[in-house]
């Protein structure tokens, strides 16, 4: 799954290049309040006409699915339902949506059988797949993320989905609650003596005998949240332009400050996603790291989707505050 995300990130970069000149128009400038039908402009520049707020919606990527649930819309179809339930239990599905295939290759036939009002996709999905989906239903595509402003992009996506589903009031509440959560979290960490503390968040996975570690730089959503909490990102590696994710190995961790607080999220339901609590315990490089010896390695709760929306990030803030205050 993580490898899929990395591949998708590269595809997103290409998509962004193609669509850069088409996104200068405000996403909501064409929404016609009071009219039965209205038209929105998505992040690819496509005009998407809807016959009223969408009620039967399919999501091809988990972050748009999370936004739907947070906005009070139960999705009719979701890509990789089992994966969503494994990785995003912080914002659980409340209904029993149809599984429409994988995130990278959703089933056109399954989606068509649902007769949705709207399909939500991200720029991770190939242009060819989106073209096929448009033969089935209107498709609204949001930017997967933006390392230049990950929190801003998260909120922008939420707003656009809210306009499409007639849930703008709930979107405003979600954003307000998130801002309050960040402010309260920053205050609590400062009071506990962690203001400005060096912090490094990562995930990792094991393939065969190889362990890969993925740093979340300041351009990642979680990296941006950490900075809002008053923490200092200690990664020196460069992240990609979409997700702000870097790459390193165990030796790369030797460049982190000896006083760094290191946090990660794995998942017991996804074998290979817990190297820090697994194979690395026998790795001499890992066990010799100063922050490992000091016990400054923190596993945060499973089920917080690192690429989700405000509600996942609220849960993340709570987990960081609780962990560092111990």
C-alpha atoms as a PDB file:
ATOM      1  CA  UNK A   1       0.000   0.000   0.000  1.00  0.00           C
ATOM      2  CA  UNK A   2       2.772   2.388   0.836  1.00  0.00           C
ATOM      3  CA  UNK A   3       4.558   1.588  -2.361  1.00  0.00           C
ATOM      4  CA  UNK A   4       1.343   2.409  -4.133  1.00  0.00           C
ATOM      5  CA  UNK A   5       1.270   5.770  -2.443  1.00  0.00           C
ATOM      6  CA  UNK A   6       4.803   6.533  -3.520  1.00  0.00           C
ATOM      7  CA  UNK A   7       4.006   5.603  -7.105  1.00  0.00           C
ATOM      8  CA  UNK A   8       0.871   7.650  -6.948  1.00  0.00           C
ATOM      9  CA  UNK A   9       2.814  10.620  -5.666  1.00  0.00           C
ATOM     10  CA  UNK A  10       4.954  10.586  -8.771  1.00  0.00           C
ATOM     11  CA  UNK A  11       1.855  10.441 -10.932  1.00  0.00           C
ATOM     12  CA  UNK A  12       0.416  13.327  -8.980  1.00  0.00           C
ATOM     13  CA  UNK A  13       3.441  15.463  -9.698  1.00  0.00           C
ATOM     14  CA  UNK A  14       2.871  14.948 -13.405  1.00  0.00           C
ATOM     15  CA  UNK A  15      -0.812  15.694 -13.044  1.00  0.00           C
ATOM     16  CA  UNK A  16      -0.108  18.893 -11.201  1.00  0.00           C
ATOM     17  CA  UNK A  17       2.184  20.058 -13.957  1.00  0.00           C
ATOM     18  CA  UNK A  18      -0.516  19.448 -16.533  1.00  0.00           C
ATOM     19  CA  UNK A  19      -3.189  21.182 -14.508  1.00  0.00           C
ATOM     20  CA  UNK A  20      -1.216  24.090 -13.115  1.00  0.00           C
ATOM     21  CA  UNK A  21      -2.648  26.613 -15.553  1.00  0.00           C
ATOM     22  CA  UNK A  22      -6.175  25.400 -14.925  1.00  0.00           C
ATOM     23  CA  UNK A  23      -6.454  25.963 -11.197  1.00  0.00           C
ATOM     24  CA  UNK A  24      -6.291  29.724 -10.949  1.00  0.00           C
ATOM     25  CA  UNK A  25     -10.067  29.966 -10.909  1.00  0.00           C
ATOM     26  CA  UNK A  26     -11.625  29.752  -7.482  1.00  0.00           C
ATOM     27  CA  UNK A  27     -13.222  26.393  -6.805  1.00  0.00           C
ATOM     28  CA  UNK A  28     -16.429  27.934  -5.558  1.00  0.00           C
ATOM     29  CA  UNK A  29     -16.834  30.821  -7.932  1.00  0.00           C
ATOM     30  CA  UNK A  30     -19.357  28.966 -10.024  1.00  0.00           C
ATOM     31  CA  UNK A  31     -21.512  27.485  -7.335  1.00  0.00           C
ATOM     32  CA  UNK A  32     -24.936  28.983  -7.883  1.00  0.00           C
ATOM     33  CA  UNK A  33     -26.730  29.201  -4.586  1.00  0.00           C
ATOM     34  CA  UNK A  34     -30.440  28.621  -4.737  1.00  0.00           C
ATOM     35  CA  UNK A  35     -30.304  26.926  -8.126  1.00  0.00           C
ATOM     36  CA  UNK A  36     -31.210  23.281  -8.489  1.00  0.00           C
ATOM     37  CA  UNK A  37     -28.077  22.535 -10.460  1.00  0.00           C
ATOM     38  CA  UNK A  38     -24.663  24.107 -10.089  1.00  0.00           C
ATOM     39  CA  UNK A  39     -21.177  23.790 -11.492  1.00  0.00           C
ATOM     40  CA  UNK A  40     -17.873  23.494  -9.647  1.00  0.00           C
ATOM     41  CA  UNK A  41     -14.316  23.699 -10.938  1.00  0.00           C
ATOM     42  CA  UNK A  42     -12.061  20.964  -9.596  1.00  0.00           C
ATOM     43  CA  UNK A  43      -8.299  20.881  -9.119  1.00  0.00           C
ATOM     44  CA  UNK A  44      -7.693  19.686 -12.674  1.00  0.00           C
ATOM     45  CA  UNK A  45      -9.641  22.653 -14.060  1.00  0.00           C
ATOM     46  CA  UNK A  46     -12.576  20.474 -15.073  1.00  0.00           C
ATOM     47  CA  UNK A  47     -16.082  21.917 -14.863  1.00  0.00           C
ATOM     48  CA  UNK A  48     -18.310  19.528 -12.915  1.00  0.00           C
ATOM     49  CA  UNK A  49     -22.063  20.068 -13.176  1.00  0.00           C
ATOM     50  CA  UNK A  50     -24.271  18.602 -10.474  1.00  0.00           C
ATOM     51  CA  UNK A  51     -28.051  18.405 -10.369  1.00  0.00           C
ATOM     52  CA  UNK A  52     -28.155  19.560  -6.767  1.00  0.00           C
ATOM     53  CA  UNK A  53     -26.044  18.466  -3.775  1.00  0.00           C
ATOM     54  CA  UNK A  54     -24.672  14.965  -4.336  1.00  0.00           C
ATOM     55  CA  UNK A  55     -26.124  12.314  -2.031  1.00  0.00           C
ATOM     56  CA  UNK A  56     -24.914   9.050  -3.557  1.00  0.00           C
ATOM     57  CA  UNK A  57     -21.139   9.477  -3.689  1.00  0.00           C
ATOM     58  CA  UNK A  58     -18.255   7.107  -4.447  1.00  0.00           C
ATOM     59  CA  UNK A  59     -14.722   7.822  -3.197  1.00  0.00           C
ATOM     60  CA  UNK A  60     -11.661   6.355  -4.917  1.00  0.00           C
ATOM     61  CA  UNK A  61      -9.151   7.551  -2.304  1.00  0.00           C
ATOM     62  CA  UNK A  62      -9.296   7.333   1.473  1.00  0.00           C
ATOM     63  CA  UNK A  63      -8.774  11.022   2.209  1.00  0.00           C
ATOM     64  CA  UNK A  64     -11.883  11.998   0.226  1.00  0.00           C
ATOM     65  CA  UNK A  65     -13.788   9.164   1.892  1.00  0.00           C
ATOM     66  CA  UNK A  66     -12.761  10.486   5.297  1.00  0.00           C
ATOM     67  CA  UNK A  67     -13.927  13.966   4.296  1.00  0.00           C
ATOM     68  CA  UNK A  68     -17.298  12.584   3.251  1.00  0.00           C
ATOM     69  CA  UNK A  69     -17.794  10.787   6.558  1.00  0.00           C
ATOM     70  CA  UNK A  70     -16.676  13.840   8.528  1.00  0.00           C
ATOM     71  CA  UNK A  71     -19.193  15.945   6.595  1.00  0.00           C
ATOM     72  CA  UNK A  72     -21.985  13.523   7.453  1.00  0.00           C
ATOM     73  CA  UNK A  73     -22.237  11.866   4.037  1.00  0.00           C
ATOM     74  CA  UNK A  74     -22.146   8.071   4.024  1.00  0.00           C
ATOM     75  CA  UNK A  75     -20.283   6.953   0.878  1.00  0.00           C
ATOM     76  CA  UNK A  76     -22.077   4.559  -1.462  1.00  0.00           C
ATOM     77  CA  UNK A  77     -18.796   3.093  -2.668  1.00  0.00           C
ATOM     78  CA  UNK A  78     -15.213   3.082  -1.364  1.00  0.00           C
ATOM     79  CA  UNK A  79     -11.977   1.755  -2.822  1.00  0.00           C
ATOM     80  CA  UNK A  80     -10.392  -0.999  -0.725  1.00  0.00           C
ATOM     81  CA  UNK A  81     -12.882  -0.975   2.145  1.00  0.00           C
ATOM     82  CA  UNK A  82     -10.787  -3.406   4.192  1.00  0.00           C
ATOM     83  CA  UNK A  83      -7.735  -1.164   3.861  1.00  0.00           C
ATOM     84  CA  UNK A  84      -9.715   1.888   4.899  1.00  0.00           C
ATOM     85  CA  UNK A  85     -11.015   0.126   7.994  1.00  0.00           C
ATOM     86  CA  UNK A  86      -7.473  -0.943   8.854  1.00  0.00           C
ATOM     87  CA  UNK A  87      -5.758   2.399   8.371  1.00  0.00           C
ATOM     88  CA  UNK A  88      -8.465   4.935   9.178  1.00  0.00           C
ATOM     89  CA  UNK A  89     -10.329   3.690  12.231  1.00  0.00           C
ATOM     90  CA  UNK A  90     -10.084   7.222  13.668  1.00  0.00           C
ATOM     91  CA  UNK A  91     -12.877   8.185  11.260  1.00  0.00           C
ATOM     92  CA  UNK A  92     -14.731   4.903  10.817  1.00  0.00           C
ATOM     93  CA  UNK A  93     -17.230   4.037   8.146  1.00  0.00           C
ATOM     94  CA  UNK A  94     -20.740   4.257   9.551  1.00  0.00           C
ATOM     95  CA  UNK A  95     -22.404   2.337   6.765  1.00  0.00           C
ATOM     96  CA  UNK A  96     -21.575  -0.665   4.622  1.00  0.00           C
ATOM     97  CA  UNK A  97     -20.391   0.812   1.321  1.00  0.00           C
ATOM     98  CA  UNK A  98     -19.717  -1.227  -1.789  1.00  0.00           C
ATOM     99  CA  UNK A  99     -16.056  -2.052  -2.329  1.00  0.00           C
ATOM    100  CA  UNK A 100     -15.217  -0.580  -5.734  1.00  0.00           C
ATOM    101  CA  UNK A 101     -11.741  -2.065  -6.141  1.00  0.00           C
ATOM    102  CA  UNK A 102      -8.300  -0.704  -5.465  1.00  0.00           C
ATOM    103  CA  UNK A 103      -7.421   2.937  -5.053  1.00  0.00           C
ATOM    104  CA  UNK A 104      -5.207   2.869  -8.106  1.00  0.00           C
ATOM    105  CA  UNK A 105      -7.572   0.842 -10.288  1.00  0.00           C
ATOM    106  CA  UNK A 106     -11.200   1.184  -9.235  1.00  0.00           C
ATOM    107  CA  UNK A 107     -13.745  -1.045 -10.965  1.00  0.00           C
ATOM    108  CA  UNK A 108     -15.694   0.941 -13.543  1.00  0.00           C
ATOM    109  CA  UNK A 109     -18.418  -1.700 -13.730  1.00  0.00           C
ATOM    110  CA  UNK A 110     -18.915  -1.742  -9.965  1.00  0.00           C
ATOM    111  CA  UNK A 111     -19.067   2.025  -9.761  1.00  0.00           C
ATOM    112  CA  UNK A 112     -21.483   2.187 -12.691  1.00  0.00           C
ATOM    113  CA  UNK A 113     -23.757  -0.340 -10.978  1.00  0.00           C
ATOM    114  CA  UNK A 114     -24.133   2.043  -8.043  1.00  0.00           C
ATOM    115  CA  UNK A 115     -25.399   4.845 -10.312  1.00  0.00           C
ATOM    116  CA  UNK A 116     -23.699   7.527  -8.181  1.00  0.00           C
ATOM    117  CA  UNK A 117     -24.501  11.230  -8.275  1.00  0.00           C
ATOM    118  CA  UNK A 118     -20.796  11.943  -7.975  1.00  0.00           C
ATOM    119  CA  UNK A 119     -17.410  10.223  -7.928  1.00  0.00           C
ATOM    120  CA  UNK A 120     -14.698  11.816  -5.817  1.00  0.00           C
ATOM    121  CA  UNK A 121     -11.119  11.180  -6.931  1.00  0.00           C
ATOM    122  CA  UNK A 122      -7.707  12.676  -6.316  1.00  0.00           C
ATOM    123  CA  UNK A 123      -4.907  13.594  -8.659  1.00  0.00           C
ATOM    124  CA  UNK A 124      -3.303  10.276  -7.704  1.00  0.00           C
ATOM    125  CA  UNK A 125      -5.778   8.546 -10.007  1.00  0.00           C
ATOM    126  CA  UNK A 126      -4.633   8.334 -13.617  1.00  0.00           C
ATOM    127  CA  UNK A 127      -6.168  10.662 -16.185  1.00  0.00           C
ATOM    128  CA  UNK A 128      -7.226   7.620 -18.193  1.00  0.00           C
ATOM    129  CA  UNK A 129      -9.183   6.229 -15.250  1.00  0.00           C
ATOM    130  CA  UNK A 130     -10.837   9.588 -14.601  1.00  0.00           C
ATOM    131  CA  UNK A 131     -11.803   9.794 -18.276  1.00  0.00           C
ATOM    132  CA  UNK A 132     -13.498   6.405 -18.003  1.00  0.00           C
ATOM    133  CA  UNK A 133     -15.249   7.372 -14.782  1.00  0.00           C
ATOM    134  CA  UNK A 134     -16.703  10.471 -16.434  1.00  0.00           C
ATOM    135  CA  UNK A 135     -18.676   8.165 -18.713  1.00  0.00           C
ATOM    136  CA  UNK A 136     -20.332   6.813 -15.570  1.00  0.00           C
ATOM    137  CA  UNK A 137     -20.942   9.915 -13.440  1.00  0.00           C
ATOM    138  CA  UNK A 138     -19.650  13.423 -12.751  1.00  0.00           C
ATOM    139  CA  UNK A 139     -16.108  13.212 -11.350  1.00  0.00           C
ATOM    140  CA  UNK A 140     -14.702  15.813  -8.970  1.00  0.00           C
ATOM    141  CA  UNK A 141     -10.928  15.532  -8.635  1.00  0.00           C
ATOM    142  CA  UNK A 142      -9.073  17.190  -5.768  1.00  0.00           C
ATOM    143  CA  UNK A 143      -5.328  17.591  -5.403  1.00  0.00           C
ATOM    144  CA  UNK A 144      -3.960  14.668  -3.370  1.00  0.00           C
ATOM    145  CA  UNK A 145      -1.818  17.009  -1.281  1.00  0.00           C
ATOM    146  CA  UNK A 146       0.562  19.933  -1.698  1.00  0.00           C
ATOM    147  CA  UNK A 147       3.890  20.024   0.115  1.00  0.00           C
ATOM    148  CA  UNK A 148       3.902  23.815  -0.231  1.00  0.00           C
ATOM    149  CA  UNK A 149       0.798  24.085   1.983  1.00  0.00           C
ATOM    150  CA  UNK A 150      -0.489  20.712   3.148  1.00  0.00           C
ATOM    151  CA  UNK A 151      -2.957  22.009   5.738  1.00  0.00           C
ATOM    152  CA  UNK A 152      -4.279  24.613   3.298  1.00  0.00           C
ATOM    153  CA  UNK A 153      -4.772  21.925   0.648  1.00  0.00           C
ATOM    154  CA  UNK A 154      -6.535  19.660   3.143  1.00  0.00           C
ATOM    155  CA  UNK A 155      -8.968  22.463   3.986  1.00  0.00           C
ATOM    156  CA  UNK A 156      -9.434  23.395   0.337  1.00  0.00           C
ATOM    157  CA  UNK A 157     -10.361  19.808  -0.506  1.00  0.00           C
ATOM    158  CA  UNK A 158     -12.789  19.691   2.394  1.00  0.00           C
ATOM    159  CA  UNK A 159     -14.450  22.909   1.226  1.00  0.00           C
ATOM    160  CA  UNK A 160     -14.855  21.686  -2.348  1.00  0.00           C
ATOM    161  CA  UNK A 161     -16.340  18.363  -1.266  1.00  0.00           C
ATOM    162  CA  UNK A 162     -18.648  20.227   1.103  1.00  0.00           C
ATOM    163  CA  UNK A 163     -19.899  22.440  -1.741  1.00  0.00           C
ATOM    164  CA  UNK A 164     -20.561  19.378  -3.858  1.00  0.00           C
ATOM    165  CA  UNK A 165     -22.541  17.686  -1.088  1.00  0.00           C
ATOM    166  CA  UNK A 166     -24.291  20.693   0.423  1.00  0.00           C
ATOM    167  CA  UNK A 167     -22.451  20.438   3.735  1.00  0.00           C
ATOM    168  CA  UNK A 168     -20.544  23.718   3.930  1.00  0.00           C
ATOM    169  CA  UNK A 169     -21.761  24.471   7.443  1.00  0.00           C
ATOM    170  CA  UNK A 170     -20.231  21.216   8.729  1.00  0.00           C
ATOM    171  CA  UNK A 171     -16.987  21.961   6.899  1.00  0.00           C
ATOM    172  CA  UNK A 172     -16.691  25.296   8.683  1.00  0.00           C
ATOM    173  CA  UNK A 173     -17.197  23.554  12.025  1.00  0.00           C
ATOM    174  CA  UNK A 174     -14.541  20.935  11.231  1.00  0.00           C
ATOM    175  CA  UNK A 175     -12.000  23.595  10.329  1.00  0.00           C
ATOM    176  CA  UNK A 176     -12.789  25.678  13.398  1.00  0.00           C
ATOM    177  CA  UNK A 177     -12.489  22.653  15.674  1.00  0.00           C
ATOM    178  CA  UNK A 178      -9.170  21.706  14.072  1.00  0.00           C
ATOM    179  CA  UNK A 179      -7.727  25.185  14.598  1.00  0.00           C
ATOM    180  CA  UNK A 180      -8.811  25.045  18.231  1.00  0.00           C
ATOM    181  CA  UNK A 181      -7.236  21.607  18.622  1.00  0.00           C
ATOM    182  CA  UNK A 182      -3.909  22.872  17.269  1.00  0.00           C
ATOM    183  CA  UNK A 183      -3.902  25.902  19.552  1.00  0.00           C
ATOM    184  CA  UNK A 184      -4.765  23.840  22.625  1.00  0.00           C
ATOM    185  CA  UNK A 185      -2.185  21.198  21.743  1.00  0.00           C
ATOM    186  CA  UNK A 186       0.552  23.784  21.322  1.00  0.00           C
ATOM    187  CA  UNK A 187      -0.320  25.313  24.685  1.00  0.00           C
ATOM    188  CA  UNK A 188      -0.245  21.932  26.440  1.00  0.00           C
ATOM    189  CA  UNK A 189       3.118  20.961  24.938  1.00  0.00           C
ATOM    190  CA  UNK A 190       4.647  24.306  25.859  1.00  0.00           C
ATOM    191  CA  UNK A 191       3.355  23.958  29.414  1.00  0.00           C
ATOM    192  CA  UNK A 192       4.933  20.503  29.575  1.00  0.00           C
ATOM    193  CA  UNK A 193       8.306  21.911  28.491  1.00  0.00           C
ATOM    194  CA  UNK A 194       8.198  20.643  24.901  1.00  0.00           C
ATOM    195  CA  UNK A 195       7.906  23.958  23.107  1.00  0.00           C
ATOM    196  CA  UNK A 196      10.475  23.905  20.293  1.00  0.00           C
ATOM    197  CA  UNK A 197      11.384  20.269  20.971  1.00  0.00           C
ATOM    198  CA  UNK A 198      13.078  18.411  18.131  1.00  0.00           C
ATOM    199  CA  UNK A 199      10.653  15.910  16.671  1.00  0.00           C
ATOM    200  CA  UNK A 200      10.831  13.385  13.859  1.00  0.00           C
ATOM    201  CA  UNK A 201       7.838  11.416  12.586  1.00  0.00           C
ATOM    202  CA  UNK A 202       8.176   8.473  10.204  1.00  0.00           C
ATOM    203  CA  UNK A 203       6.614   5.299   9.049  1.00  0.00           C
ATOM    204  CA  UNK A 204       8.397   2.257   7.724  1.00  0.00           C
ATOM    205  CA  UNK A 205       7.912  -1.038   6.036  1.00  0.00           C
ATOM    206  CA  UNK A 206       9.719  -4.273   5.523  1.00  0.00           C
ATOM    207  CA  UNK A 207       9.958  -5.957   2.127  1.00  0.00           C
ATOM    208  CA  UNK A 208      11.826  -9.234   2.214  1.00  0.00           C
ATOM    209  CA  UNK A 209      15.025  -8.491   4.104  1.00  0.00           C
ATOM    210  CA  UNK A 210      14.942  -4.774   3.362  1.00  0.00           C
ATOM    211  CA  UNK A 211      13.708  -2.132   5.792  1.00  0.00           C
ATOM    212  CA  UNK A 212      12.674   1.223   4.382  1.00  0.00           C
ATOM    213  CA  UNK A 213      11.940   4.301   6.445  1.00  0.00           C
ATOM    214  CA  UNK A 214       9.873   7.231   5.230  1.00  0.00           C
ATOM    215  CA  UNK A 215      10.513  10.599   6.916  1.00  0.00           C
ATOM    216  CA  UNK A 216       7.641  13.074   7.081  1.00  0.00           C
ATOM    217  CA  UNK A 217       9.268  16.404   6.320  1.00  0.00           C
ATOM    218  CA  UNK A 218       7.774  19.824   6.971  1.00  0.00           C
ATOM    219  CA  UNK A 219       5.916  19.538   3.652  1.00  0.00           C
ATOM    220  CA  UNK A 220       3.908  16.553   4.816  1.00  0.00           C
ATOM    221  CA  UNK A 221       0.528  17.010   6.462  1.00  0.00           C
ATOM    222  CA  UNK A 222       1.765  15.567   9.725  1.00  0.00           C
ATOM    223  CA  UNK A 223       4.980  17.579   9.493  1.00  0.00           C
ATOM    224  CA  UNK A 224       2.933  20.764   9.107  1.00  0.00           C
ATOM    225  CA  UNK A 225       0.766  19.817  12.077  1.00  0.00           C
ATOM    226  CA  UNK A 226       3.883  19.200  14.171  1.00  0.00           C
ATOM    227  CA  UNK A 227       5.122  22.684  13.382  1.00  0.00           C
ATOM    228  CA  UNK A 228       1.744  24.170  14.318  1.00  0.00           C
ATOM    229  CA  UNK A 229       2.168  22.393  17.662  1.00  0.00           C
ATOM    230  CA  UNK A 230       5.420  24.236  18.213  1.00  0.00           C
ATOM    231  CA  UNK A 231       7.658  21.246  17.508  1.00  0.00           C
ATOM    232  CA  UNK A 232      10.790  21.505  15.367  1.00  0.00           C
ATOM    233  CA  UNK A 233      11.054  18.980  12.543  1.00  0.00           C
ATOM    234  CA  UNK A 234      14.486  17.337  12.814  1.00  0.00           C
ATOM    235  CA  UNK A 235      14.534  15.631   9.415  1.00  0.00           C
ATOM    236  CA  UNK A 236      17.259  16.903   7.084  1.00  0.00           C
ATOM    237  CA  UNK A 237      16.126  14.893   4.056  1.00  0.00           C
ATOM    238  CA  UNK A 238      14.125  16.439   1.221  1.00  0.00           C
ATOM    239  CA  UNK A 239      10.509  15.468   0.729  1.00  0.00           C
ATOM    240  CA  UNK A 240       8.579  15.093  -2.523  1.00  0.00           C
ATOM    241  CA  UNK A 241       6.523  17.994  -3.874  1.00  0.00           C
ATOM    242  CA  UNK A 242       3.142  16.382  -3.268  1.00  0.00           C
ATOM    243  CA  UNK A 243       3.215  14.557   0.061  1.00  0.00           C
ATOM    244  CA  UNK A 244       6.435  15.956   1.551  1.00  0.00           C
ATOM    245  CA  UNK A 245       7.748  12.451   2.123  1.00  0.00           C
ATOM    246  CA  UNK A 246      11.432  11.563   2.109  1.00  0.00           C
ATOM    247  CA  UNK A 247      13.298   8.296   1.963  1.00  0.00           C
ATOM    248  CA  UNK A 248      16.039   6.926   4.161  1.00  0.00           C
ATOM    249  CA  UNK A 249      17.290   3.772   5.816  1.00  0.00           C
ATOM    250  CA  UNK A 250      18.417   2.879   9.302  1.00  0.00           C
ATOM    251  CA  UNK A 251      21.815   4.493   8.766  1.00  0.00           C
ATOM    252  CA  UNK A 252      20.011   7.721   7.846  1.00  0.00           C
ATOM    253  CA  UNK A 253      18.601   7.906  11.346  1.00  0.00           C
ATOM    254  CA  UNK A 254      22.085   8.576  12.713  1.00  0.00           C
ATOM    255  CA  UNK A 255      21.703  12.135  11.408  1.00  0.00           C
ATOM    256  CA  UNK A 256      18.873  12.877  13.808  1.00  0.00           C
ATOM    257  CA  UNK A 257      19.691  14.853  16.940  1.00  0.00           C
ATOM    258  CA  UNK A 258      20.438  12.708  19.959  1.00  0.00           C
ATOM    259  CA  UNK A 259      17.682  14.493  21.889  1.00  0.00           C
ATOM    260  CA  UNK A 260      15.033  14.074  19.202  1.00  0.00           C
ATOM    261  CA  UNK A 261      11.624  12.668  20.060  1.00  0.00           C
ATOM    262  CA  UNK A 262      10.942  10.000  17.418  1.00  0.00           C
ATOM    263  CA  UNK A 263       7.355   8.980  16.660  1.00  0.00           C
ATOM    264  CA  UNK A 264       5.819   6.586  14.196  1.00  0.00           C
ATOM    265  CA  UNK A 265       2.539   4.958  13.201  1.00  0.00           C
ATOM    266  CA  UNK A 266       2.337   1.359  12.064  1.00  0.00           C
ATOM    267  CA  UNK A 267      -0.555  -1.034  11.955  1.00  0.00           C
ATOM    268  CA  UNK A 268      -1.011  -4.494  13.407  1.00  0.00           C
ATOM    269  CA  UNK A 269      -3.380  -5.256  10.537  1.00  0.00           C
ATOM    270  CA  UNK A 270      -0.726  -4.618   7.895  1.00  0.00           C
ATOM    271  CA  UNK A 271       2.235  -6.961   8.143  1.00  0.00           C
ATOM    272  CA  UNK A 272       5.506  -5.261   7.383  1.00  0.00           C
ATOM    273  CA  UNK A 273       4.405  -1.835   8.601  1.00  0.00           C
ATOM    274  CA  UNK A 274       5.989  -2.086  12.057  1.00  0.00           C
ATOM    275  CA  UNK A 275       9.767  -2.309  11.602  1.00  0.00           C
ATOM    276  CA  UNK A 276      10.445  -0.073  14.610  1.00  0.00           C
ATOM    277  CA  UNK A 277       8.711  -2.532  16.915  1.00  0.00           C
ATOM    278  CA  UNK A 278       9.893  -5.538  14.919  1.00  0.00           C
ATOM    279  CA  UNK A 279      13.024  -6.245  12.961  1.00  0.00           C
ATOM    280  CA  UNK A 280      14.867  -3.121  14.092  1.00  0.00           C
ATOM    281  CA  UNK A 281      14.949  -4.361  17.666  1.00  0.00           C
ATOM    282  CA  UNK A 282      17.750  -6.668  16.523  1.00  0.00           C
ATOM    283  CA  UNK A 283      19.511  -4.033  14.420  1.00  0.00           C
ATOM    284  CA  UNK A 284      22.687  -2.732  16.066  1.00  0.00           C
ATOM    285  CA  UNK A 285      22.509   0.610  14.274  1.00  0.00           C
ATOM    286  CA  UNK A 286      18.981   1.181  15.577  1.00  0.00           C
ATOM    287  CA  UNK A 287      19.655   0.019  19.119  1.00  0.00           C
ATOM    288  CA  UNK A 288      22.763   2.204  19.347  1.00  0.00           C
ATOM    289  CA  UNK A 289      20.953   5.429  18.424  1.00  0.00           C
ATOM    290  CA  UNK A 290      20.990   7.873  21.387  1.00  0.00           C
ATOM    291  CA  UNK A 291      17.260   8.591  21.230  1.00  0.00           C
ATOM    292  CA  UNK A 292      16.511   4.873  21.132  1.00  0.00           C
ATOM    293  CA  UNK A 293      18.689   4.244  24.175  1.00  0.00           C
ATOM    294  CA  UNK A 294      16.894   7.058  26.018  1.00  0.00           C
ATOM    295  CA  UNK A 295      13.511   5.565  25.241  1.00  0.00           C
ATOM    296  CA  UNK A 296      12.432   8.533  23.151  1.00  0.00           C
ATOM    297  CA  UNK A 297      10.725   6.360  20.530  1.00  0.00           C
ATOM    298  CA  UNK A 298       6.947   6.590  20.545  1.00  0.00           C
ATOM    299  CA  UNK A 299       4.468   4.394  18.746  1.00  0.00           C
ATOM    300  CA  UNK A 300       1.297   6.408  18.200  1.00  0.00           C
ATOM    301  CA  UNK A 301      -2.081   4.653  18.022  1.00  0.00           C
ATOM    302  CA  UNK A 302      -3.006   2.578  14.995  1.00  0.00           C
ATOM    303  CA  UNK A 303      -5.769   3.843  12.762  1.00  0.00           C
ATOM    304  CA  UNK A 304      -4.751   7.487  12.425  1.00  0.00           C
ATOM    305  CA  UNK A 305      -4.595   7.979   8.667  1.00  0.00           C
ATOM    306  CA  UNK A 306      -1.510  10.110   8.055  1.00  0.00           C
ATOM    307  CA  UNK A 307      -2.971  11.539   4.843  1.00  0.00           C
ATOM    308  CA  UNK A 308      -6.492  12.103   6.112  1.00  0.00           C
ATOM    309  CA  UNK A 309      -8.494  15.168   7.025  1.00  0.00           C
ATOM    310  CA  UNK A 310      -9.140  17.360  10.081  1.00  0.00           C
ATOM    311  CA  UNK A 311     -10.577  14.565  12.207  1.00  0.00           C
ATOM    312  CA  UNK A 312      -7.584  12.272  11.702  1.00  0.00           C
ATOM    313  CA  UNK A 313      -5.305  15.203  12.464  1.00  0.00           C
ATOM    314  CA  UNK A 314      -7.295  15.985  15.619  1.00  0.00           C
ATOM    315  CA  UNK A 315      -6.647  12.429  16.768  1.00  0.00           C
ATOM    316  CA  UNK A 316      -2.989  12.792  15.834  1.00  0.00           C
ATOM    317  CA  UNK A 317      -2.642  15.969  17.901  1.00  0.00           C
ATOM    318  CA  UNK A 318      -4.168  14.244  20.908  1.00  0.00           C
ATOM    319  CA  UNK A 319      -1.807  11.289  20.520  1.00  0.00           C
ATOM    320  CA  UNK A 320       1.318  13.478  20.299  1.00  0.00           C
ATOM    321  CA  UNK A 321       0.305  15.575  23.297  1.00  0.00           C
ATOM    322  CA  UNK A 322      -0.538  12.517  25.383  1.00  0.00           C
ATOM    323  CA  UNK A 323       2.697  10.751  24.411  1.00  0.00           C
ATOM    324  CA  UNK A 324       5.055  13.628  25.114  1.00  0.00           C
ATOM    325  CA  UNK A 325       3.374  14.527  28.392  1.00  0.00           C
ATOM    326  CA  UNK A 326       3.978  11.045  29.810  1.00  0.00           C
END
